[in-house]
């Protein structure tokens, strides 16, 4: 049986969601906020975050298919936009569950910059900067920590643990 150790509880997650939501609103000013959630790990994160941002907020989803043969150097092979939308002139906030090597995020942000947004930001549920293999920084992160196998709050392992109301680490 796999054990889970709680890292960040429900109340702390919600407090950080409110703080990051307020920071996103400050970044965008009075303009519409445009959230792009990377499936599927950011789904619960996006659902809570969108409700914490006052004013106009729009969201979309992208699915990133990548080669998982070597997870340390995984490379994106395809970006699947679930709907067609324009990023031009918009304040874009890309939501990622866990930012580790930065390879996927760097690829996405490079592709998105070509679509001429007003601004482009990376927002992480969990940022693991010590694992970077490319130079990239999160503009906002709920939590910063070292490597681990994180579960809960929408993050799953072997189709389990996503329903936990807290963020934990497998032990």
N, C-alpha and C. Protein backbone atom coordinates (compact mmCIF):
# COMPACT_ATOMS: atom_id res chain seq x y z
N UNK A 1 0.84 -1.19 0.00
CA UNK A 1 0.00 0.00 0.00
C UNK A 1 0.88 1.25 0.00
N UNK A 2 0.57 2.17 -0.84
CA UNK A 2 1.31 3.42 -0.96
C UNK A 2 0.80 4.42 0.06
N UNK A 3 1.72 5.05 0.79
CA UNK A 3 1.31 6.05 1.78
C UNK A 3 1.49 7.45 1.23
N UNK A 4 0.65 8.36 1.71
CA UNK A 4 0.69 9.76 1.29
C UNK A 4 0.93 10.61 2.52
N UNK A 5 1.91 11.50 2.43
CA UNK A 5 2.19 12.45 3.50
C UNK A 5 1.70 13.82 3.06
N UNK A 6 0.88 14.44 3.88
CA UNK A 6 0.33 15.75 3.56
C UNK A 6 1.43 16.80 3.61
N UNK A 7 1.52 17.58 2.51
CA UNK A 7 2.46 18.70 2.45
C UNK A 7 1.76 20.04 2.68
N UNK A 8 0.67 20.24 1.95
CA UNK A 8 -0.06 21.51 1.99
C UNK A 8 -1.54 21.22 2.15
N UNK A 9 -2.13 21.72 3.23
CA UNK A 9 -3.53 21.46 3.53
C UNK A 9 -4.49 22.33 2.74
N UNK A 10 -5.77 21.99 2.85
CA UNK A 10 -6.83 22.68 2.11
C UNK A 10 -6.85 24.17 2.37
N UNK A 11 -6.78 24.57 3.63
CA UNK A 11 -6.85 25.99 3.96
C UNK A 11 -5.68 26.76 3.37
N UNK A 12 -4.49 26.19 3.44
CA UNK A 12 -3.31 26.85 2.88
C UNK A 12 -3.42 26.95 1.36
N UNK A 13 -3.89 25.90 0.72
CA UNK A 13 -4.08 25.93 -0.74
C UNK A 13 -5.02 27.06 -1.12
N UNK A 14 -6.15 27.15 -0.42
CA UNK A 14 -7.14 28.18 -0.76
C UNK A 14 -6.60 29.58 -0.48
N UNK A 15 -5.83 29.75 0.58
CA UNK A 15 -5.22 31.06 0.87
C UNK A 15 -4.25 31.44 -0.25
N UNK A 16 -3.44 30.49 -0.69
CA UNK A 16 -2.49 30.77 -1.77
C UNK A 16 -3.20 31.02 -3.10
N UNK A 17 -4.31 30.33 -3.34
CA UNK A 17 -5.12 30.57 -4.54
C UNK A 17 -5.58 32.03 -4.56
N UNK A 18 -6.09 32.52 -3.43
CA UNK A 18 -6.55 33.91 -3.35
C UNK A 18 -5.40 34.89 -3.60
N UNK A 19 -4.23 34.61 -3.03
CA UNK A 19 -3.07 35.48 -3.22
C UNK A 19 -2.62 35.51 -4.68
N UNK A 20 -2.53 34.36 -5.29
CA UNK A 20 -2.11 34.29 -6.69
C UNK A 20 -3.17 34.91 -7.60
N UNK A 21 -4.43 34.67 -7.31
CA UNK A 21 -5.51 35.29 -8.09
C UNK A 21 -5.43 36.82 -8.04
N UNK A 22 -5.16 37.37 -6.86
CA UNK A 22 -5.01 38.83 -6.72
C UNK A 22 -3.78 39.32 -7.50
N UNK A 23 -2.69 38.56 -7.47
CA UNK A 23 -1.48 38.94 -8.20
C UNK A 23 -1.73 38.92 -9.71
N UNK A 24 -2.46 37.93 -10.18
CA UNK A 24 -2.80 37.85 -11.60
C UNK A 24 -3.64 39.06 -12.01
N UNK A 25 -4.60 39.41 -11.19
CA UNK A 25 -5.42 40.59 -11.50
C UNK A 25 -4.54 41.84 -11.56
N UNK A 26 -3.60 41.98 -10.64
CA UNK A 26 -2.69 43.14 -10.69
C UNK A 26 -1.87 43.13 -11.98
N UNK A 27 -1.38 41.95 -12.37
CA UNK A 27 -0.59 41.85 -13.60
C UNK A 27 -1.39 42.29 -14.83
N UNK A 28 -2.65 41.93 -14.89
CA UNK A 28 -3.48 42.22 -16.06
C UNK A 28 -4.16 43.58 -15.98
N UNK A 29 -4.12 44.22 -14.80
CA UNK A 29 -4.81 45.50 -14.65
C UNK A 29 -6.31 45.30 -14.84
N UNK A 30 -6.94 46.20 -15.55
CA UNK A 30 -8.39 46.10 -15.78
C UNK A 30 -8.74 45.23 -16.98
N UNK A 31 -7.72 44.74 -17.69
CA UNK A 31 -7.95 43.93 -18.89
C UNK A 31 -8.46 42.54 -18.53
N UNK A 32 -9.03 41.89 -19.53
CA UNK A 32 -9.47 40.51 -19.36
C UNK A 32 -8.27 39.61 -19.07
N UNK A 33 -8.45 38.70 -18.15
CA UNK A 33 -7.45 37.67 -17.84
C UNK A 33 -7.80 36.45 -18.69
N UNK A 34 -6.79 35.87 -19.32
CA UNK A 34 -6.98 34.72 -20.19
C UNK A 34 -6.14 33.57 -19.64
N UNK A 35 -6.80 32.59 -19.02
CA UNK A 35 -6.12 31.43 -18.44
C UNK A 35 -6.09 30.29 -19.46
N UNK A 36 -4.94 29.65 -19.58
CA UNK A 36 -4.83 28.46 -20.41
C UNK A 36 -4.35 27.33 -19.51
N UNK A 37 -5.23 26.37 -19.27
CA UNK A 37 -4.89 25.24 -18.43
C UNK A 37 -4.30 24.11 -19.25
N UNK A 38 -3.19 23.56 -18.76
CA UNK A 38 -2.58 22.41 -19.42
C UNK A 38 -3.16 21.15 -18.78
N UNK A 39 -3.84 20.36 -19.61
CA UNK A 39 -4.52 19.17 -19.12
C UNK A 39 -3.52 18.08 -18.77
N UNK A 40 -3.85 17.25 -17.87
CA UNK A 40 -5.06 17.33 -17.09
C UNK A 40 -4.79 17.77 -15.67
N UNK A 41 -3.52 17.87 -15.35
CA UNK A 41 -3.12 18.18 -13.98
C UNK A 41 -3.53 19.53 -13.45
N UNK A 42 -3.78 20.49 -14.34
CA UNK A 42 -4.14 21.84 -13.85
C UNK A 42 -5.64 22.05 -13.70
N UNK A 43 -6.45 21.03 -13.91
CA UNK A 43 -7.90 21.22 -13.95
C UNK A 43 -8.49 21.71 -12.63
N UNK A 44 -8.15 21.11 -11.52
CA UNK A 44 -8.68 21.53 -10.22
C UNK A 44 -8.12 22.91 -9.87
N UNK A 45 -6.84 23.11 -10.14
CA UNK A 45 -6.16 24.38 -9.91
C UNK A 45 -6.87 25.51 -10.67
N UNK A 46 -7.14 25.30 -11.96
CA UNK A 46 -7.83 26.32 -12.76
C UNK A 46 -9.22 26.59 -12.22
N UNK A 47 -9.94 25.55 -11.86
CA UNK A 47 -11.32 25.72 -11.37
C UNK A 47 -11.35 26.61 -10.13
N UNK A 48 -10.43 26.43 -9.22
CA UNK A 48 -10.40 27.29 -8.03
C UNK A 48 -9.85 28.67 -8.34
N UNK A 49 -8.81 28.73 -9.16
CA UNK A 49 -8.17 30.02 -9.45
C UNK A 49 -9.10 30.96 -10.19
N UNK A 50 -9.85 30.46 -11.15
CA UNK A 50 -10.73 31.33 -11.94
C UNK A 50 -11.76 32.03 -11.06
N UNK A 51 -12.20 31.35 -10.02
CA UNK A 51 -13.19 31.95 -9.11
C UNK A 51 -12.57 32.98 -8.18
N UNK A 52 -11.25 33.01 -8.09
CA UNK A 52 -10.59 33.95 -7.18
C UNK A 52 -10.17 35.25 -7.87
N UNK A 53 -10.36 35.33 -9.17
CA UNK A 53 -9.91 36.50 -9.93
C UNK A 53 -11.12 37.38 -10.25
N UNK A 54 -11.16 38.59 -9.71
CA UNK A 54 -12.27 39.47 -10.04
C UNK A 54 -12.17 40.00 -11.47
N UNK A 55 -13.27 40.47 -11.99
CA UNK A 55 -13.29 41.04 -13.33
C UNK A 55 -13.46 39.97 -14.38
N UNK A 56 -13.17 40.38 -15.63
CA UNK A 56 -13.36 39.47 -16.76
C UNK A 56 -12.26 38.42 -16.82
N UNK A 57 -12.67 37.16 -16.88
CA UNK A 57 -11.72 36.05 -16.98
C UNK A 57 -12.26 35.06 -18.02
N UNK A 58 -11.38 34.65 -18.89
CA UNK A 58 -11.71 33.65 -19.90
C UNK A 58 -10.73 32.49 -19.73
N UNK A 59 -11.14 31.27 -20.08
CA UNK A 59 -10.20 30.16 -19.98
C UNK A 59 -10.35 29.22 -21.17
N UNK A 60 -9.26 28.54 -21.44
CA UNK A 60 -9.20 27.53 -22.48
C UNK A 60 -8.32 26.40 -21.97
N UNK A 61 -8.34 25.29 -22.68
CA UNK A 61 -7.53 24.13 -22.33
C UNK A 61 -6.62 23.75 -23.49
N UNK A 62 -5.43 23.30 -23.16
CA UNK A 62 -4.56 22.67 -24.16
C UNK A 62 -4.10 21.34 -23.57
N UNK A 63 -3.88 20.41 -24.46
CA UNK A 63 -3.33 19.12 -24.07
C UNK A 63 -1.98 19.00 -24.73
N UNK A 64 -0.98 18.72 -23.94
CA UNK A 64 0.37 18.58 -24.47
C UNK A 64 0.72 17.11 -24.50
N UNK A 65 0.98 16.61 -25.69
CA UNK A 65 1.40 15.23 -25.85
C UNK A 65 2.92 15.25 -25.91
N UNK A 66 3.53 14.38 -25.12
CA UNK A 66 4.99 14.36 -25.12
C UNK A 66 5.50 12.95 -24.96
N UNK A 67 6.74 12.80 -25.33
CA UNK A 67 7.42 11.51 -25.24
C UNK A 67 7.80 11.28 -23.79
N UNK A 68 7.23 10.26 -23.18
CA UNK A 68 7.48 9.99 -21.77
C UNK A 68 8.50 8.86 -21.57
N UNK A 69 9.22 8.53 -22.61
CA UNK A 69 10.21 7.45 -22.47
C UNK A 69 11.26 7.81 -21.42
N UNK A 70 11.63 9.08 -21.37
CA UNK A 70 12.59 9.55 -20.37
C UNK A 70 12.00 10.81 -19.76
N UNK A 71 11.38 10.70 -18.60
CA UNK A 71 10.66 11.83 -18.01
C UNK A 71 11.56 12.97 -17.62
N UNK A 72 12.86 12.74 -17.47
CA UNK A 72 13.78 13.82 -17.13
C UNK A 72 14.02 14.74 -18.32
N UNK A 73 13.87 14.23 -19.54
CA UNK A 73 14.12 15.04 -20.73
C UNK A 73 12.94 14.99 -21.69
N UNK A 74 11.75 14.78 -21.17
CA UNK A 74 10.56 14.67 -22.01
C UNK A 74 10.43 15.90 -22.91
N UNK A 75 10.10 15.66 -24.15
CA UNK A 75 9.93 16.74 -25.10
C UNK A 75 8.52 16.71 -25.65
N UNK A 76 7.95 17.90 -25.81
CA UNK A 76 6.61 18.01 -26.38
C UNK A 76 6.65 17.55 -27.82
N UNK A 77 5.67 16.75 -28.20
CA UNK A 77 5.59 16.31 -29.58
C UNK A 77 4.38 16.93 -30.28
N UNK A 78 3.41 17.42 -29.50
CA UNK A 78 2.21 17.99 -30.10
C UNK A 78 1.47 18.81 -29.06
N UNK A 79 0.92 19.95 -29.50
CA UNK A 79 0.03 20.74 -28.65
C UNK A 79 -1.35 20.63 -29.27
N UNK A 80 -2.31 20.18 -28.50
CA UNK A 80 -3.67 20.01 -28.98
C UNK A 80 -4.55 21.07 -28.34
N UNK A 81 -4.92 22.10 -29.13
CA UNK A 81 -5.83 23.12 -28.66
C UNK A 81 -7.24 22.56 -28.77
N UNK A 82 -7.96 22.56 -27.66
CA UNK A 82 -9.29 21.95 -27.67
C UNK A 82 -10.30 22.83 -28.40
N UNK A 83 -10.02 24.11 -28.48
CA UNK A 83 -10.83 25.02 -29.29
C UNK A 83 -9.86 25.99 -29.96
N UNK A 84 -10.32 26.66 -30.98
CA UNK A 84 -9.49 27.68 -31.63
C UNK A 84 -9.75 29.01 -30.94
N UNK A 85 -8.70 29.71 -30.58
CA UNK A 85 -8.84 30.99 -29.91
C UNK A 85 -7.65 31.87 -30.24
N UNK A 86 -7.86 33.14 -30.16
CA UNK A 86 -6.81 34.10 -30.47
C UNK A 86 -6.14 34.57 -29.17
N UNK A 87 -4.82 34.59 -29.17
CA UNK A 87 -4.06 35.11 -28.03
C UNK A 87 -3.63 36.55 -28.27
N UNK A 88 -3.78 37.02 -29.47
CA UNK A 88 -3.26 38.33 -29.84
C UNK A 88 -3.83 39.42 -28.94
N UNK A 89 -2.91 40.19 -28.34
CA UNK A 89 -3.29 41.32 -27.52
C UNK A 89 -3.86 40.97 -26.16
N UNK A 90 -3.87 39.71 -25.79
CA UNK A 90 -4.46 39.29 -24.51
C UNK A 90 -3.38 39.03 -23.46
N UNK A 91 -3.79 39.13 -22.21
CA UNK A 91 -2.92 38.81 -21.08
C UNK A 91 -3.10 37.32 -20.77
N UNK A 92 -2.10 36.53 -21.15
CA UNK A 92 -2.17 35.08 -21.10
C UNK A 92 -1.44 34.56 -19.86
N UNK A 93 -2.11 33.68 -19.13
CA UNK A 93 -1.54 33.03 -17.95
C UNK A 93 -1.65 31.52 -18.18
N UNK A 94 -0.50 30.87 -18.37
CA UNK A 94 -0.45 29.44 -18.65
C UNK A 94 -0.34 28.72 -17.32
N UNK A 95 -1.31 27.84 -17.02
CA UNK A 95 -1.35 27.12 -15.76
C UNK A 95 -0.81 25.71 -15.94
N UNK A 96 0.18 25.38 -15.12
CA UNK A 96 0.81 24.05 -15.16
C UNK A 96 0.74 23.47 -13.76
N UNK A 97 0.50 22.18 -13.66
CA UNK A 97 0.43 21.56 -12.34
C UNK A 97 1.79 21.59 -11.65
N UNK A 98 2.80 20.98 -12.25
CA UNK A 98 4.13 20.92 -11.64
C UNK A 98 5.16 21.32 -12.69
N UNK A 99 5.96 22.32 -12.39
CA UNK A 99 7.03 22.74 -13.30
C UNK A 99 8.33 22.15 -12.77
N UNK A 100 8.91 21.25 -13.56
CA UNK A 100 10.15 20.58 -13.14
C UNK A 100 11.29 21.02 -14.07
N UNK A 101 11.55 20.26 -15.13
CA UNK A 101 12.68 20.56 -16.01
C UNK A 101 12.51 21.88 -16.75
N UNK A 102 11.28 22.27 -17.02
CA UNK A 102 11.01 23.49 -17.78
C UNK A 102 10.96 23.29 -19.28
N UNK A 103 11.24 22.08 -19.74
CA UNK A 103 11.29 21.82 -21.18
C UNK A 103 9.93 22.04 -21.84
N UNK A 104 8.92 21.42 -21.30
CA UNK A 104 7.56 21.55 -21.87
C UNK A 104 7.10 23.00 -21.79
N UNK A 105 7.31 23.64 -20.65
CA UNK A 105 6.86 25.01 -20.45
C UNK A 105 7.58 25.97 -21.40
N UNK A 106 8.88 25.76 -21.58
CA UNK A 106 9.65 26.60 -22.49
C UNK A 106 9.13 26.45 -23.92
N UNK A 107 8.85 25.22 -24.31
CA UNK A 107 8.31 24.95 -25.64
C UNK A 107 6.96 25.66 -25.83
N UNK A 108 6.08 25.51 -24.85
CA UNK A 108 4.76 26.15 -24.95
C UNK A 108 4.86 27.66 -25.01
N UNK A 109 5.63 28.24 -24.11
CA UNK A 109 5.74 29.70 -24.08
C UNK A 109 6.35 30.23 -25.38
N UNK A 110 7.31 29.51 -25.94
CA UNK A 110 7.89 29.91 -27.23
C UNK A 110 6.82 29.90 -28.31
N UNK A 111 6.01 28.84 -28.35
CA UNK A 111 4.93 28.76 -29.35
C UNK A 111 3.89 29.86 -29.12
N UNK A 112 3.55 30.12 -27.88
CA UNK A 112 2.52 31.11 -27.56
C UNK A 112 2.99 32.54 -27.86
N UNK A 113 4.28 32.82 -27.66
CA UNK A 113 4.81 34.17 -27.96
C UNK A 113 4.60 34.53 -29.42
N UNK A 114 4.64 33.54 -30.29
CA UNK A 114 4.44 33.77 -31.72
C UNK A 114 3.01 34.22 -32.03
N UNK A 115 2.10 34.07 -31.09
CA UNK A 115 0.71 34.45 -31.29
C UNK A 115 0.42 35.88 -30.80
N UNK A 116 1.48 36.61 -30.45
CA UNK A 116 1.44 38.04 -30.14
C UNK A 116 0.52 38.43 -28.97
N UNK A 117 0.69 37.77 -27.81
CA UNK A 117 -0.11 38.20 -26.65
C UNK A 117 0.39 39.53 -26.09
N UNK A 118 -0.45 40.24 -25.36
CA UNK A 118 -0.02 41.46 -24.68
C UNK A 118 1.00 41.13 -23.61
N UNK A 119 0.77 40.03 -22.89
CA UNK A 119 1.72 39.53 -21.90
C UNK A 119 1.54 38.03 -21.79
N UNK A 120 2.59 37.37 -21.31
CA UNK A 120 2.58 35.92 -21.21
C UNK A 120 3.24 35.52 -19.90
N UNK A 121 2.51 34.75 -19.08
CA UNK A 121 2.97 34.40 -17.73
C UNK A 121 2.84 32.90 -17.51
N UNK A 122 3.77 32.35 -16.74
CA UNK A 122 3.71 30.95 -16.33
C UNK A 122 3.30 30.88 -14.87
N UNK A 123 2.26 30.11 -14.59
CA UNK A 123 1.72 29.97 -13.23
C UNK A 123 1.73 28.49 -12.88
N UNK A 124 2.35 28.15 -11.75
CA UNK A 124 2.48 26.75 -11.36
C UNK A 124 1.75 26.48 -10.06
N UNK A 125 1.16 25.32 -9.98
CA UNK A 125 0.65 24.84 -8.70
C UNK A 125 1.85 24.53 -7.81
N UNK A 126 2.81 23.77 -8.35
CA UNK A 126 4.05 23.44 -7.63
C UNK A 126 5.22 23.73 -8.55
N UNK A 127 6.16 24.51 -8.07
CA UNK A 127 7.37 24.83 -8.82
C UNK A 127 8.55 24.11 -8.16
N UNK A 128 9.31 23.37 -8.96
CA UNK A 128 10.51 22.65 -8.49
C UNK A 128 11.72 23.20 -9.24
N UNK A 129 12.19 24.40 -8.89
CA UNK A 129 13.26 25.04 -9.66
C UNK A 129 14.59 24.28 -9.63
N UNK A 130 14.83 23.48 -8.63
CA UNK A 130 16.07 22.73 -8.55
C UNK A 130 16.17 21.63 -9.59
N UNK A 131 15.08 21.36 -10.30
CA UNK A 131 15.08 20.30 -11.31
C UNK A 131 15.22 20.84 -12.74
N UNK A 132 15.39 22.16 -12.91
CA UNK A 132 15.43 22.77 -14.24
C UNK A 132 16.60 22.26 -15.06
N UNK A 133 16.31 22.00 -16.33
CA UNK A 133 17.36 21.72 -17.30
C UNK A 133 17.42 22.84 -18.34
N UNK A 134 16.40 23.69 -18.37
CA UNK A 134 16.39 24.90 -19.19
C UNK A 134 16.09 26.07 -18.27
N UNK A 135 16.54 27.24 -18.69
CA UNK A 135 16.34 28.42 -17.87
C UNK A 135 14.95 28.99 -18.12
N UNK A 136 14.10 28.85 -17.12
CA UNK A 136 12.74 29.39 -17.18
C UNK A 136 12.28 29.61 -15.75
N UNK A 137 11.51 30.65 -15.55
CA UNK A 137 11.02 30.96 -14.21
C UNK A 137 9.50 31.03 -14.22
N UNK A 138 8.92 30.64 -13.12
CA UNK A 138 7.48 30.81 -12.95
C UNK A 138 7.22 32.24 -12.49
N UNK A 139 6.21 32.85 -13.09
CA UNK A 139 5.83 34.19 -12.65
C UNK A 139 5.08 34.13 -11.33
N UNK A 140 4.31 33.06 -11.17
CA UNK A 140 3.55 32.84 -9.93
C UNK A 140 3.54 31.35 -9.65
N UNK A 141 3.69 31.00 -8.39
CA UNK A 141 3.59 29.59 -7.99
C UNK A 141 2.90 29.53 -6.64
N UNK A 142 1.98 28.58 -6.49
CA UNK A 142 1.37 28.40 -5.19
C UNK A 142 2.41 27.92 -4.19
N UNK A 143 3.22 26.95 -4.62
CA UNK A 143 4.21 26.38 -3.73
C UNK A 143 5.51 26.11 -4.49
N UNK A 144 6.62 26.27 -3.80
CA UNK A 144 7.94 25.94 -4.34
C UNK A 144 8.54 24.89 -3.42
N UNK A 145 9.01 23.81 -4.02
CA UNK A 145 9.55 22.71 -3.23
C UNK A 145 10.53 21.91 -4.08
N UNK A 146 11.09 20.90 -3.48
CA UNK A 146 12.02 20.03 -4.19
C UNK A 146 11.26 18.94 -4.92
N UNK A 147 11.98 18.06 -5.54
CA UNK A 147 11.36 16.97 -6.29
C UNK A 147 10.56 16.06 -5.37
N UNK A 148 9.66 15.35 -5.97
CA UNK A 148 8.84 14.39 -5.24
C UNK A 148 7.74 13.89 -6.15
N UNK A 149 7.04 12.91 -5.71
CA UNK A 149 5.88 12.40 -6.45
C UNK A 149 4.65 12.96 -5.76
N UNK A 150 4.13 14.07 -6.30
CA UNK A 150 3.04 14.81 -5.68
C UNK A 150 1.69 14.24 -6.10
N UNK A 151 0.76 14.22 -5.15
CA UNK A 151 -0.59 13.74 -5.41
C UNK A 151 -1.59 14.62 -4.67
N UNK A 152 -2.84 14.46 -5.04
CA UNK A 152 -3.92 15.20 -4.41
C UNK A 152 -4.21 16.48 -5.15
N UNK A 153 -5.35 17.09 -4.84
CA UNK A 153 -5.76 18.35 -5.45
C UNK A 153 -5.69 18.26 -6.98
N UNK A 154 -6.16 17.14 -7.51
CA UNK A 154 -6.19 16.92 -8.96
C UNK A 154 -4.99 16.17 -9.52
N UNK A 155 -3.96 16.01 -8.74
CA UNK A 155 -2.77 15.28 -9.20
C UNK A 155 -2.92 13.82 -8.82
N UNK A 156 -2.69 12.95 -9.78
CA UNK A 156 -2.88 11.53 -9.51
C UNK A 156 -1.63 10.73 -9.76
N UNK A 157 -1.63 9.55 -9.21
CA UNK A 157 -0.59 8.56 -9.44
C UNK A 157 -1.29 7.24 -9.67
N UNK A 158 -1.04 6.65 -10.83
CA UNK A 158 -1.69 5.39 -11.20
C UNK A 158 -3.20 5.46 -11.02
N UNK A 159 -3.78 6.54 -11.50
CA UNK A 159 -5.24 6.77 -11.46
C UNK A 159 -5.81 6.84 -10.05
N UNK A 160 -4.99 7.21 -9.07
CA UNK A 160 -5.46 7.32 -7.70
C UNK A 160 -5.00 8.64 -7.10
N UNK A 161 -5.63 9.02 -6.03
CA UNK A 161 -5.25 10.15 -5.17
C UNK A 161 -5.66 11.53 -5.66
N UNK A 162 -6.17 11.67 -6.88
CA UNK A 162 -6.54 13.00 -7.40
C UNK A 162 -7.61 13.66 -6.55
N UNK A 163 -8.44 12.87 -5.89
CA UNK A 163 -9.55 13.41 -5.12
C UNK A 163 -9.17 13.88 -3.72
N UNK A 164 -7.92 13.71 -3.33
CA UNK A 164 -7.52 14.20 -2.01
C UNK A 164 -7.64 15.72 -1.98
N UNK A 165 -8.18 16.30 -0.91
CA UNK A 165 -8.38 17.75 -0.86
C UNK A 165 -7.11 18.54 -0.54
N UNK A 166 -6.01 17.85 -0.30
CA UNK A 166 -4.74 18.48 0.01
C UNK A 166 -3.69 18.03 -0.99
N UNK A 167 -2.52 18.67 -0.95
CA UNK A 167 -1.39 18.23 -1.76
C UNK A 167 -0.48 17.41 -0.87
N UNK A 168 -0.12 16.24 -1.36
CA UNK A 168 0.74 15.36 -0.59
C UNK A 168 1.86 14.80 -1.43
N UNK A 169 2.68 14.03 -0.79
CA UNK A 169 3.79 13.38 -1.49
C UNK A 169 3.74 11.90 -1.17
N UNK A 170 4.00 11.10 -2.17
CA UNK A 170 4.00 9.65 -1.95
C UNK A 170 5.25 9.26 -1.16
N UNK A 171 5.05 8.36 -0.21
CA UNK A 171 6.18 7.93 0.61
C UNK A 171 6.40 6.47 0.54
